[in-house]
Every structure is written in structure tokens, then in C-alpha cells.
Amino acid sequence: MYKKLLRPILFLFSPETSHHIVATLLKAGAIIPFLNPLVRKIFCINSPELATEVAGIKFANPVGLAAGFDKNALVYKEMGNLGFGFVEIGTVTPLPQPGNAKPRLFRLSQDEALINRMGFNNDGVEKIATRLHKKNAGIIIGGNIGKNKDVPNEEAHRDFEKCFEVLFDYVDYFVVNVSSPNTPGLRSLQEKEPLTRLLTNLQGKNKMHPAPKPIFLKIAPDINNEQLDDIIEIVKNCQISGVIATNTTISRDELKSDTTPLGNGGLSGKPLLKRSTEVVKYIFEKSAGNIPIIASGGIHSVEDALEKLEAGASLLQLYTGFIYEGPALVKKINKELLRRRRSSHFKRY
């Protein structure tokens, strides 16, 4: 129904307008008393056999919604009704910011991809925290945090600390986002020395709490193996919980679409599948499976999801694949995972 009816209608509008339409429909539908149970019955697979524990958190199922879709914590409950085992909000910054100038989100339909240069547009951590104050404990919430655009990298740690402390009581895990290509200079924080300082400082704040929260690092797909070795070392030394592999790419290799008129931005979707899986596999093998990995990038089918898990991922995140394939993709992946977990061919997933 989604691909044949709803998607063609949504794709008549600009990507950002379509996103607002979907969010509005989800919020409106949630008001209708009988609709939420009906949606859950259609899309959710509720089975304890799908439960996956990572970093001390028990996820109802391993398929999550990546950051960027619900930046402002407006529809996380509704996304849970569509079958997701967890939802990552953000990226959240201390102060509200409008993001980059529009248009800033583009479909590459031939490639089943998106290019975005949103620029961390969000309502600011204080307002977002108030929306999470009444969050439904039935859905795991991740808080993806970053810095405001006009804050120099030398002071970035203060922005991460602010978001961390304000959101601490309202999210189940944190994600440090220093890998978006859409905030000038942000990716330089992935370098060994500044990243070590940032994570050491944040983990110090974390350990001051009686029950510290898991912290994950979201990394770019464009870094080389030497940089990945540094990431592995940093994750171990700073004792954070794991990595999310990967964010969007600045590469435009092997695209069918002409992206010249669109300008810069991060590419997501099918073209990212191969590289993001390579990163997952490299980290898993180099760390001997000791670093939990949340795989994100190019998952558009059950086969793509299984490829990520076989490469070493413990959890999955969808974004562009969800936009192109619809909520049925979440159910298909969970259904196949449940089948495999019940079969005699059970592997690590």
C-alpha cells in the first residue's frame, strides 16, 4: 500500500514538505482511540525472542529509527507503533537553530538515495527535553547530540555537556555526532586528539551519575582504515559503549543521478550500503567483536539487514530505506530475524 499509493503521492512534494506531512498524519492518527492498537497489530511483531541486549539495554527488537527523522522528539511514540524497537532523536544542540538554507534535502529516486545538508536544525535541548518528559517507557529512546554551528571546536565539549546533562533523565543512551558533513569543521573532531578529549570529558560527566548511560560514537563512512584503528583505540580507552556505523557520505561515486546542481551535503540510501557494511566488518574484526556496533546506512531490504548483522552489527537503524520502502520493511526484517532465531540455523543474530 505504501509503495503503490502513499509514496507516489508524497513524492509529488519536496522531501521536507513530505516529511512534515507524514509527521502531521502520524500525530493526527494518534488522537484516534482505536487507530494506535490497529497500527501496532499491523506492523509490530511482539516476541521475546526478538529481544536484543546491547550495552546493558534490552531492546524489544534490533531494528531502530536513525537520528534525523524525529529531530525534535515529536513522533517517537508513533514510530514505536510502526514496529521500531528504538528511536533515536536529534541531532540535538544546546540552542535552537534553523539549519541551513532551503532547499536542503533532495531525493535521488534513480539511486534510492537522499542528499541532505540540513545543518542540525532543531528546537534546542530545553524544549526537546520537555517533550521527552512524558515519554512512553515502552520505547527505547536514544539522544543524538551535537554542537551549535557558531561554536568553535575548541569549545564544542561545552555543547555536548549541556545536551548530555539536560537529556540525561529522558533518554536511554547517547550518541556523540561529530561525523555530519553539514556543520562546518565538525568532522575534524573525529581526529584522534580532539575526539579523545571530547569523549574522555563526557565520560567523566557520565560517571558522576549513579547509573551512567551508554554512550555511542557515530562515525563517518569516509574515514580510512588507519582512522578506524584510531576510533577503535579511542572507544576502548574512553570506555564508551560502542559505535554507530555510519553517518552519511560526501562521496558521489557510481550514482545514476546527476548531483551537480544539488551542491554539497551528505548522501544516504542504497549507494551507502557497501561502504557502511565494510566499516562495520572492519571494526568488528579488528576489535574481536568486543565493540558493540549499531549499523546504519543503505538498509533497504531484509537481505541488506542480514548483511549488516553478518558483518558484526548488533543493532540496525533505518532512515532512507524507511522513506523508500515504508514501515513494512521494519516488519519484514523482524519477521525474518524471528524465523531465524527459531530455526536450527541460528547464528550470532
Foldseek 3Di string as FASTA:
>chain_A
DCQVPVLVVLVVDFPVVSLVVVLVVLVVQVVDVVRLVVLLVVAADQDCLQWFDAPNDTFRHQEEADEDSAQQLRRQVSVVSLHHRAYEYFQAWAAADQFDDPPAKHDPPVQLKIFGLRGRHYHHLQNSLVSLPPPDPNHAYEHEYFYHLPDDLVCGLVGVQNNCVSCVVRHQAYEYEQAFPNRPPSVVCLDQVNVLVSLLVNVVVQVVDPDGHAYEYAHALPDDPVSLVSVLVSCVVSVHRAYEQHDFYQDPPPRPDDCVVVDTGGMFAQVFLPSSLVSLLSSCVVNVLRHAYEYEGHPQALVSVVSSVVSRHSHYHYDSSCSNRNSNRSRRNSVVVSVQSPDPNNDPD
